Amino acid sequence: MLDIRAIRNDPEQFRVGLARKHANQALIDELLAADEAWRAGLTEVERLKSQRNKASEAIARTKKAGGDASGAIAEMKAVSDQIKTLDEDVRAHEARVSDLLLTIPNIPHSSVPDGESEDDNVPLRFYGQVPEFDFEPKAHFDLAQDLGIADFERAVKITGSRFVLYKGLGAKLERALASFMLDYQVEQNGYVEMFPQFIANEESLIGTGNLPKFGEDMFKLEGLPYYLIPTAEIPLTNYYRDEILDASQLPVKFAGYSSCFRSEAGSAGKDTRGLIRLHQFQKVELVKLVKPEDSYEELENLVRDCGTILDALELPYRIIEICTADLGAKETKKYDLEVWLPAQHTYREISSCSNFEDYQARRAGLRFRREEGAKPEFVHTLNGSGLAVGRTIAAILENGQQKDGSVRLPQALVPYMGTDVLTSEGAAGYGKRAADAVSIASKASREAQRG
């Protein structure tokens, strides 16, 4: 939500900002007209209420003196009727102001490059070595099926398109990646691990800016004011909703793992196979609440924190600065991290890191106080994917594939997986090895208890 006072004081900067985003500049004029009508209505209501109070006093004096107050009573009734009508108009104008403020996009930071489409996004830095193969690399979904670690066909049978069912070592890889990502962010980058609920109420979704504008992108629970979360950003950002933090508590740094549910409205025909665009996927989300003066430095740190995961997983990637035309409604500035997918011979987004300044904080009532007695200020909020687990699996499979159909795993995952390579034979024997490991652990536990 934008600051209505700032818009009143300098509407042109907001018109220019919306124009840079290719958004409707006329929304600013609509907002100012509704705001003027609202404030004028409030002023008139207060004037009429004062007039009614004076009439009431005059009636009381007339009656006390034994005079005829019928004329003053009629006048007071007429004024009361005007107040009632005006009150309804004022509420309507106030609702219009609120609706517009919840709808008007955030404006881009001055450093964001202008552009006409996503083609104008700016590649900034490249990391890692793009692999070269002496064979035709397979797509991740073919590799996953050949290895027996994922089943797309039965997932469709159970639910529908754009779902996947991991099994055996595929399920373990999903779990291992989430654990590694969380461990790294907590131990190396200082985040607090969170495990949020997967359902959020409307107030939380309004707070992050997902409602009212992006309702069609989410799954709503029938007959209830609840939605399945599209990202852990929603519960994590709303953790301190309508609270005032002490400056000493900032920055807040949360790392949360969750399933994410998205309707993928408007994505018909895009990435219909594989792990790139699903209705349900898992992700580790990073959320920051920071002082306003620190937010752009914290954005750069956030990009670094997400990039360290890709570095540790030995995956080639690049960082893209998003131009104004491709910037979302909520963001003032955004970077994408794109991982290399050999089968597609291109980079694909695996993380987005965004600064919203106080746009979400105004909606969610996220404030802080610099010192005792000081006026509360809005925090700045940021978030980034650290990372989307399914897309990370896709990248590991494609970049680590060998000529014999096996997949070399990054060394960082070996302690979590218990192997450095995925093979169809290894995947087939995973259940027996897991059972043997449990049996050995149970035996050791019994022997320890016996002393």
Protein backbone atom coordinates (compact mmCIF):
# COMPACT_ATOMS: atom_id res chain seq x y z
CA MET A 1 0.00 0.00 0.00
CA LEU A 2 1.31 3.41 -0.94
CA ASP A 3 1.39 6.39 1.43
CA ILE A 4 -1.70 8.53 0.73
CA ARG A 5 -0.02 11.59 2.28
CA ALA A 6 2.97 11.24 -0.02
CA ILE A 7 0.63 10.96 -3.00
CA ARG A 8 -1.22 14.12 -1.96
CA ASN A 9 2.06 16.02 -1.61
CA ASP A 10 3.65 14.89 -4.88
CA PRO A 11 1.27 12.96 -7.15
CA GLU A 12 3.50 13.39 -10.19
CA GLN A 13 6.26 11.13 -8.85
CA PHE A 14 3.68 8.36 -8.50
CA ARG A 15 2.29 8.94 -11.99
CA VAL A 16 5.83 8.68 -13.35
CA GLY A 17 6.48 5.55 -11.27
CA LEU A 18 3.36 3.81 -12.57
CA ALA A 19 4.23 4.83 -16.12
CA ARG A 20 7.66 3.22 -15.72
CA LYS A 21 5.89 -0.01 -14.71
CA HIS A 22 3.48 0.34 -17.64
CA ALA A 23 0.65 0.57 -15.09
CA ASN A 24 -2.42 2.79 -15.26
CA GLN A 25 -1.42 6.33 -14.25
CA ALA A 26 -5.08 7.37 -14.10
CA LEU A 27 -5.39 5.39 -10.86
CA ILE A 28 -3.56 8.24 -9.09
CA ASP A 29 -6.13 10.76 -10.31
CA GLU A 30 -8.98 8.44 -9.32
CA LEU A 31 -7.46 8.07 -5.87
CA LEU A 32 -7.00 11.81 -5.40
CA ALA A 33 -10.57 12.51 -6.52
CA ALA A 34 -11.97 9.93 -4.10
CA ASP A 35 -9.70 11.21 -1.34
CA GLU A 36 -10.79 14.83 -1.92
CA ALA A 37 -14.46 13.82 -1.91
CA TRP A 38 -13.92 11.82 1.28
CA ARG A 39 -12.19 14.66 3.12
CA ALA A 40 -14.67 17.27 1.86
CA GLY A 41 -17.53 15.05 2.99
CA LEU A 42 -16.00 14.65 6.45
CA THR A 43 -15.63 18.43 6.74
CA GLU A 44 -19.24 19.00 5.73
CA VAL A 45 -20.50 16.32 8.13
CA GLU A 46 -18.64 17.96 10.99
CA ARG A 47 -20.09 21.36 10.03
CA LEU A 48 -23.61 19.97 9.96
CA LYS A 49 -23.14 18.17 13.27
CA SER A 50 -22.04 21.45 14.82
CA GLN A 51 -25.14 23.13 13.35
CA ARG A 52 -27.34 20.34 14.76
CA ASN A 53 -25.78 20.72 18.19
CA LYS A 54 -26.49 24.45 18.19
CA ALA A 55 -30.09 23.79 17.08
CA SER A 56 -30.49 21.30 19.94
CA GLU A 57 -29.28 23.89 22.41
CA ALA A 58 -31.69 26.48 20.95
CA ILE A 59 -34.59 24.03 21.21
CA ALA A 60 -33.77 23.33 24.84
CA ARG A 61 -33.68 27.04 25.64
CA THR A 62 -36.95 27.72 23.82
CA LYS A 63 -38.74 24.86 25.59
CA LYS A 64 -37.38 25.98 28.94
CA ALA A 65 -38.79 29.44 28.30
CA GLY A 66 -42.17 27.93 27.32
CA GLY A 67 -41.92 28.95 23.68
CA ASP A 68 -42.72 27.16 20.43
CA ALA A 69 -39.71 25.08 19.21
CA SER A 70 -41.46 23.40 16.28
CA GLY A 71 -39.52 25.37 13.66
CA ALA A 72 -36.17 24.61 15.23
CA ILE A 73 -37.13 20.92 15.58
CA ALA A 74 -38.02 20.76 11.87
CA GLU A 75 -34.71 22.42 11.02
CA MET A 76 -32.77 19.96 13.19
CA LYS A 77 -34.54 17.00 11.57
CA ALA A 78 -33.61 18.27 8.11
CA VAL A 79 -30.00 18.66 9.19
CA SER A 80 -30.01 15.14 10.67
CA ASP A 81 -31.31 13.75 7.37
CA GLN A 82 -28.48 15.55 5.53
CA ILE A 83 -25.94 14.09 7.95
CA LYS A 84 -27.29 10.57 7.40
CA THR A 85 -27.04 10.93 3.61
CA LEU A 86 -23.58 12.47 3.81
CA ASP A 87 -22.36 9.76 6.19
CA GLU A 88 -23.26 7.15 3.57
CA ASP A 89 -21.40 9.13 0.89
CA VAL A 90 -18.36 9.53 3.15
CA ARG A 91 -18.25 5.77 3.82
CA ALA A 92 -18.50 5.10 0.09
CA HIS A 93 -15.64 7.51 -0.71
CA GLU A 94 -13.55 6.06 2.14
CA ALA A 95 -14.12 2.53 0.82
CA ARG A 96 -13.11 3.68 -2.66
CA VAL A 97 -9.89 5.21 -1.29
CA SER A 98 -9.13 1.98 0.58
CA ASP A 99 -9.86 -0.18 -2.47
CA LEU A 100 -7.61 1.93 -4.69
CA LEU A 101 -4.78 1.93 -2.17
CA LEU A 102 -4.98 -1.87 -2.01
CA THR A 103 -4.91 -2.08 -5.80
CA ILE A 104 -2.43 0.54 -7.02
CA PRO A 105 0.99 -1.06 -7.65
CA ASN A 106 4.16 -0.06 -5.85
CA ILE A 107 6.48 2.24 -7.79
CA PRO A 108 9.98 1.16 -8.87
CA HIS A 109 13.19 2.33 -7.28
CA SER A 110 15.14 4.87 -9.33
CA SER A 111 17.93 2.32 -9.92
CA VAL A 112 15.64 -0.19 -11.69
CA PRO A 113 16.37 -0.29 -15.45
CA ASP A 114 13.52 0.78 -17.71
CA GLY A 115 12.19 -1.78 -20.15
CA GLU A 116 9.34 -2.73 -22.43
CA SER A 117 9.25 -6.46 -21.67
CA GLU A 118 11.13 -9.25 -19.89
CA ASP A 119 13.57 -9.20 -22.79
CA ASP A 120 14.99 -5.98 -21.29
CA ASN A 121 16.00 -7.65 -18.02
CA VAL A 122 19.72 -7.13 -17.44
CA PRO A 123 22.13 -10.06 -16.83
CA LEU A 124 24.59 -8.89 -14.18
CA ARG A 125 26.83 -11.76 -13.12
CA PHE A 126 27.49 -15.39 -14.07
CA TYR A 127 28.64 -18.09 -11.65
CA GLY A 128 29.87 -21.65 -12.10
CA GLN A 129 30.87 -23.61 -15.16
CA VAL A 130 28.21 -24.64 -17.67
CA PRO A 131 28.76 -28.40 -18.21
CA GLU A 132 29.71 -29.84 -21.57
CA PHE A 133 28.50 -33.30 -22.56
CA ASP A 134 29.77 -35.77 -25.15
CA PHE A 135 26.20 -37.06 -25.43
CA GLU A 136 22.75 -35.50 -25.83
CA PRO A 137 21.67 -34.44 -22.33
CA LYS A 138 18.25 -35.63 -21.19
CA ALA A 139 15.53 -33.51 -19.67
CA HIS A 140 15.10 -33.81 -15.90
CA PHE A 141 11.69 -35.45 -16.16
CA ASP A 142 13.06 -38.25 -18.35
CA LEU A 143 16.01 -38.71 -15.99
CA ALA A 144 13.71 -38.83 -12.96
CA GLN A 145 11.52 -41.50 -14.54
CA ASP A 146 14.47 -43.54 -15.80
CA LEU A 147 16.00 -43.50 -12.31
CA GLY A 148 12.66 -44.42 -10.75
CA ILE A 149 12.66 -41.45 -8.35
CA ALA A 150 9.53 -39.64 -9.55
CA ASP A 151 6.19 -40.66 -11.03
CA PHE A 152 4.34 -38.05 -13.07
CA GLU A 153 1.71 -40.34 -14.61
CA ARG A 154 0.37 -41.65 -11.31
CA ALA A 155 0.44 -38.13 -9.86
CA VAL A 156 -1.91 -37.12 -12.67
CA LYS A 157 -4.12 -40.11 -11.88
CA ILE A 158 -4.27 -39.21 -8.20
CA THR A 159 -4.86 -35.49 -8.64
CA GLY A 160 -4.39 -34.05 -12.13
CA SER A 161 -1.87 -32.30 -14.34
CA ARG A 162 1.02 -30.27 -12.94
CA PHE A 163 1.65 -32.58 -9.98
CA VAL A 164 4.50 -34.94 -9.18
CA LEU A 165 4.91 -37.87 -6.82
CA TYR A 166 8.47 -38.38 -5.56
CA LYS A 167 9.39 -41.88 -4.44
CA GLY A 168 12.36 -43.68 -2.92
CA LEU A 169 15.55 -41.71 -3.40
CA GLY A 170 13.53 -38.96 -5.10
CA ALA A 171 11.56 -38.42 -1.89
CA LYS A 172 14.80 -38.54 0.08
CA LEU A 173 16.40 -36.00 -2.29
CA GLU A 174 13.47 -33.62 -1.78
CA ARG A 175 13.84 -33.98 2.00
CA ALA A 176 17.63 -33.74 1.86
CA LEU A 177 17.58 -30.53 -0.16
CA ALA A 178 15.12 -28.84 2.19
CA SER A 179 17.22 -29.84 5.21
CA PHE A 180 20.44 -28.68 3.58
CA MET A 181 18.97 -25.33 2.53
CA LEU A 182 17.55 -24.66 5.99
CA ASP A 183 20.71 -25.80 7.79
CA TYR A 184 22.85 -23.57 5.58
CA GLN A 185 20.70 -20.46 6.03
CA VAL A 186 20.51 -20.95 9.80
CA GLU A 187 24.15 -21.90 10.43
CA GLN A 188 25.92 -19.80 7.79
CA ASN A 189 23.64 -16.82 7.18
CA GLY A 190 21.96 -16.31 10.55
CA TYR A 191 18.28 -16.93 9.76
CA VAL A 192 15.74 -18.23 12.25
CA GLU A 193 14.17 -21.47 11.03
CA MET A 194 10.36 -21.48 10.86
CA PHE A 195 7.87 -24.16 9.90
CA PRO A 196 4.71 -22.21 9.04
CA GLN A 197 1.15 -23.34 8.48
CA PHE A 198 0.08 -23.93 4.87
CA ILE A 199 -3.27 -22.11 5.20
CA ALA A 200 -3.65 -18.34 5.64
CA ASN A 201 -6.61 -16.06 6.23
CA GLU A 202 -7.66 -13.14 4.07
CA GLU A 203 -6.10 -10.55 6.38
CA SER A 204 -2.69 -12.18 5.97
CA LEU A 205 -3.01 -12.28 2.18
CA ILE A 206 -4.08 -8.64 2.08
CA GLY A 207 -1.08 -7.85 4.27
CA THR A 208 1.39 -9.27 1.73
CA GLY A 209 -0.46 -7.87 -1.30
CA ASN A 210 -1.74 -11.19 -2.67
CA LEU A 211 -5.30 -9.99 -2.14
CA PRO A 212 -7.35 -8.48 -3.57
CA LYS A 213 -5.43 -8.38 -6.86
CA PHE A 214 -4.11 -11.95 -7.21
CA GLY A 215 -6.94 -14.07 -5.85
CA GLU A 216 -7.20 -16.09 -9.07
CA ASP A 217 -3.62 -17.29 -8.64
CA MET A 218 -4.48 -19.11 -5.39
CA PHE A 219 -6.58 -22.01 -4.18
CA LYS A 220 -9.39 -20.93 -1.85
CA LEU A 221 -10.99 -23.29 0.66
CA GLU A 222 -14.64 -23.61 -0.27
CA GLY A 223 -16.98 -21.84 2.12
CA LEU A 224 -14.15 -20.54 4.32
CA PRO A 225 -12.13 -17.29 4.40
CA TYR A 226 -8.91 -19.29 4.01
CA TYR A 227 -6.47 -19.92 1.18
CA LEU A 228 -3.67 -22.44 0.60
CA ILE A 229 -0.48 -20.39 0.70
CA PRO A 230 1.34 -19.76 -2.61
CA THR A 231 4.57 -19.24 -0.65
CA ALA A 232 5.78 -19.16 2.96
CA GLU A 233 6.21 -15.40 2.47
CA ILE A 234 2.60 -14.98 3.63
CA PRO A 235 2.81 -16.52 7.13
CA LEU A 236 6.38 -15.35 7.73
CA THR A 237 5.72 -11.72 6.76
CA ASN A 238 2.53 -11.69 8.85
CA TYR A 239 4.21 -13.13 11.95
CA TYR A 240 4.47 -9.64 13.48
CA ARG A 241 1.38 -8.20 11.78
CA ASP A 242 -0.15 -5.25 13.69
CA GLU A 243 2.74 -5.22 16.16
CA ILE A 244 5.37 -2.61 16.97
CA LEU A 245 8.91 -3.99 17.19
CA ASP A 246 11.82 -2.45 19.02
CA ALA A 247 14.64 -1.28 16.77
CA SER A 248 16.97 -3.72 18.55
CA GLN A 249 14.93 -6.61 17.11
CA LEU A 250 15.78 -5.63 13.53
CA PRO A 251 16.69 -7.09 11.18
CA VAL A 252 14.29 -10.01 11.51
CA LYS A 253 15.49 -12.90 9.32
CA PHE A 254 13.21 -15.91 8.85
CA ALA A 255 13.86 -19.07 6.80
CA GLY A 256 10.70 -21.11 6.33
CA TYR A 257 10.07 -24.38 4.48
CA SER A 258 6.59 -25.09 3.16
CA SER A 259 4.54 -26.55 0.39
CA CYS A 260 3.34 -23.88 -2.03
CA PHE A 261 0.05 -24.04 -3.92
CA ARG A 262 -0.55 -22.06 -7.11
CA SER A 263 -3.31 -22.23 -9.67
CA GLU A 264 -0.87 -21.12 -12.40
CA ALA A 265 -3.62 -19.00 -13.97
CA GLY A 266 -2.56 -17.83 -17.40
CA SER A 267 0.18 -20.45 -17.80
CA ALA A 268 -1.69 -22.82 -20.11
CA GLY A 269 0.75 -24.66 -22.36
CA LYS A 270 3.84 -23.51 -20.44
CA ASP A 271 6.15 -26.13 -18.89
CA THR A 272 3.46 -28.79 -18.84
CA ARG A 273 6.04 -31.51 -18.23
CA GLY A 274 8.43 -31.84 -15.33
CA LEU A 275 9.15 -29.89 -12.19
CA ILE A 276 9.31 -26.30 -13.42
CA ARG A 277 5.69 -25.20 -13.06
CA LEU A 278 3.55 -27.22 -10.63
CA HIS A 279 0.35 -26.61 -8.70
CA GLN A 280 2.09 -27.91 -5.56
CA PHE A 281 5.80 -27.64 -4.88
CA GLN A 282 8.11 -27.14 -1.91
CA LYS A 283 10.28 -24.13 -1.27
CA VAL A 284 12.52 -22.59 1.36
CA GLU A 285 11.56 -18.93 1.66
CA LEU A 286 13.68 -16.17 3.19
CA VAL A 287 11.91 -13.13 4.68
CA LYS A 288 13.47 -10.02 6.18
CA LEU A 289 12.01 -7.12 8.18
CA VAL A 290 14.55 -4.29 8.28
CA LYS A 291 15.03 -0.59 8.98
CA PRO A 292 14.21 1.56 5.92
CA GLU A 293 17.74 2.89 5.58
CA ASP A 294 19.13 -0.67 5.42
CA SER A 295 16.74 -2.27 2.95
CA TYR A 296 18.74 -1.98 -0.27
CA GLU A 297 21.93 -3.26 1.34
CA GLU A 298 19.85 -6.08 2.81
CA LEU A 299 18.50 -6.84 -0.67
CA GLU A 300 22.04 -7.35 -1.96
CA ASN A 301 22.75 -9.57 1.06
CA LEU A 302 19.59 -11.56 0.33
CA VAL A 303 20.73 -12.22 -3.23
CA ARG A 304 24.07 -13.38 -1.86
CA ASP A 305 22.37 -15.67 0.68
CA CYS A 306 20.32 -17.37 -2.04
CA GLY A 307 23.31 -17.60 -4.34
CA THR A 308 25.41 -19.38 -1.70
CA ILE A 309 23.03 -22.35 -1.92
CA LEU A 310 23.60 -22.64 -5.66
CA ASP A 311 27.33 -22.28 -5.14
CA ALA A 312 27.31 -25.06 -2.55
CA LEU A 313 25.29 -27.28 -4.87
CA GLU A 314 27.80 -26.70 -7.69
CA LEU A 315 25.13 -25.39 -10.04
CA PRO A 316 25.89 -22.79 -12.74
CA TYR A 317 23.65 -19.74 -12.52
CA ARG A 318 23.35 -16.08 -13.31
CA ILE A 319 21.85 -13.03 -11.59
CA ILE A 320 19.37 -10.92 -13.53
CA GLU A 321 18.25 -7.41 -12.63
CA ILE A 322 14.54 -7.15 -13.42
CA CYS A 323 13.46 -4.19 -15.54
CA THR A 324 10.41 -2.02 -14.85
CA ALA A 325 8.17 -3.83 -17.35
CA ASP A 326 8.77 -7.21 -15.68
CA LEU A 327 8.62 -5.96 -12.10
CA GLY A 328 5.67 -7.31 -10.10
CA ALA A 329 2.97 -5.12 -8.60
CA LYS A 330 4.45 -5.23 -5.10
CA GLU A 331 8.18 -4.84 -5.74
CA THR A 332 10.32 -1.71 -5.88
CA LYS A 333 13.36 -3.69 -7.02
CA LYS A 334 13.96 -7.35 -7.82
CA TYR A 335 16.71 -9.73 -8.86
CA ASP A 336 16.19 -13.19 -10.29
CA LEU A 337 18.68 -16.02 -9.89
CA GLU A 338 18.49 -18.30 -12.93
CA VAL A 339 20.00 -21.78 -12.99
CA TRP A 340 21.36 -23.45 -16.11
CA LEU A 341 19.26 -26.34 -17.51
CA PRO A 342 21.30 -28.21 -20.14
CA ALA A 343 18.35 -29.96 -21.81
CA GLN A 344 16.68 -26.61 -22.47
CA HIS A 345 20.03 -24.97 -23.19
CA THR A 346 18.99 -21.93 -21.21
CA TYR A 347 18.83 -20.40 -17.76
CA ARG A 348 15.57 -20.70 -15.80
CA GLU A 349 14.45 -18.80 -12.72
CA ILE A 350 15.07 -20.63 -9.45
CA SER A 351 14.86 -17.69 -7.05
CA SER A 352 13.48 -14.15 -6.95
CA CYS A 353 14.75 -11.64 -4.39
CA SER A 354 12.60 -8.56 -3.87
CA ASN A 355 12.42 -5.35 -1.86
CA PHE A 356 8.92 -4.03 -1.18
CA GLU A 357 10.03 -1.05 0.95
CA ASP A 358 7.00 -0.22 3.19
CA TYR A 359 4.34 -1.37 0.69
CA GLN A 360 3.53 -4.59 2.60
CA ALA A 361 4.27 -3.07 6.01
CA ARG A 362 1.53 -0.42 5.58
CA ARG A 363 -0.99 -3.12 4.71
CA ALA A 364 0.08 -5.42 7.54
CA GLY A 365 0.73 -2.81 10.22
CA LEU A 366 4.40 -3.83 10.58
CA ARG A 367 6.11 -1.06 12.54
CA PHE A 368 9.10 -0.44 14.77
CA ARG A 369 10.11 2.20 17.29
CA ARG A 370 13.69 3.53 17.29
CA GLU A 371 13.64 4.49 20.97
CA GLU A 372 11.21 4.76 23.84
CA GLY A 373 8.65 7.48 23.19
CA ALA A 374 9.55 7.80 19.49
CA LYS A 375 6.85 7.72 16.83
CA PRO A 376 6.48 4.24 15.26
CA GLU A 377 7.76 3.83 11.70
CA PHE A 378 7.01 1.21 9.08
CA VAL A 379 9.65 -1.45 8.48
CA HIS A 380 10.78 -2.44 5.01
CA THR A 381 10.07 -6.03 3.97
CA LEU A 382 12.06 -8.27 1.64
CA ASN A 383 11.85 -11.87 0.55
CA GLY A 384 13.65 -14.36 -1.61
CA SER A 385 13.45 -18.02 -2.59
CA GLY A 386 16.24 -19.95 -1.05
CA LEU A 387 15.40 -22.12 -3.10
CA ALA A 388 12.48 -23.71 -4.97
CA VAL A 389 13.19 -27.38 -4.23
CA GLY A 390 11.63 -28.92 -7.34
CA ARG A 391 13.53 -26.64 -9.70
CA THR A 392 16.70 -27.39 -7.76
CA ILE A 393 16.12 -31.12 -8.26
CA ALA A 394 15.63 -30.48 -11.98
CA ALA A 395 18.93 -28.59 -12.13
CA ILE A 396 20.83 -31.24 -10.16
CA LEU A 397 19.54 -34.02 -12.40
CA GLU A 398 20.31 -32.23 -15.66
CA ASN A 399 23.70 -30.79 -14.71
CA GLY A 400 24.89 -33.92 -12.91
CA GLN A 401 23.80 -36.50 -15.48
CA GLN A 402 26.33 -39.04 -16.77
CA LYS A 403 26.49 -40.92 -20.05
CA ASP A 404 25.39 -44.17 -18.36
CA GLY A 405 22.18 -42.54 -17.10
CA SER A 406 23.37 -42.03 -13.53
CA VAL A 407 23.44 -38.60 -11.86
CA ARG A 408 26.35 -37.26 -9.84
CA LEU A 409 25.19 -35.49 -6.69
CA PRO A 410 26.82 -32.33 -5.29
CA GLN A 411 29.24 -33.08 -2.45
CA ALA A 412 27.20 -30.88 -0.10
CA LEU A 413 24.32 -33.38 -0.34
CA VAL A 414 26.32 -36.54 0.25
CA PRO A 415 26.00 -36.40 4.08
CA TYR A 416 22.23 -35.98 3.66
CA MET A 417 21.82 -38.65 0.95
CA GLY A 418 24.39 -41.23 1.99
CA THR A 419 25.59 -41.52 -1.62
CA ASP A 420 27.28 -39.34 -4.20
CA VAL A 421 25.47 -40.77 -7.21
CA LEU A 422 21.93 -41.66 -8.22
CA THR A 423 21.45 -44.85 -10.23
CA SER A 424 18.38 -46.85 -11.11
CA GLU A 425 19.89 -49.81 -9.24
CA GLY A 426 20.57 -47.68 -6.18
CA ALA A 427 17.08 -46.23 -6.26
CA ALA A 428 15.59 -49.71 -6.49
CA GLY A 429 17.59 -50.88 -3.46
CA TYR A 430 16.95 -47.79 -1.35
CA GLY A 431 14.11 -49.31 0.66
CA LYS A 432 16.18 -52.33 1.74
CA ARG A 433 19.19 -50.18 2.68
CA ALA A 434 16.96 -47.85 4.69
CA ALA A 435 15.44 -50.82 6.51
CA ASP A 436 18.90 -52.24 7.22
CA ALA A 437 20.07 -48.86 8.57
CA VAL A 438 17.06 -48.63 10.87
CA SER A 439 17.66 -52.19 12.07
CA ILE A 440 21.32 -51.44 12.83
CA ALA A 441 20.41 -48.23 14.65
CA SER A 442 17.73 -50.04 16.68
CA LYS A 443 20.17 -52.81 17.62
CA ALA A 444 22.78 -50.25 18.71
CA SER A 445 20.15 -48.47 20.79
CA ARG A 446 19.10 -51.69 22.55
CA GLU A 447 22.71 -52.60 23.28
CA ALA A 448 23.37 -49.12 24.69
CA GLN A 449 20.33 -49.42 26.97
CA ARG A 450 21.53 -52.78 28.27
CA GLY A 451 24.80 -51.09 29.14
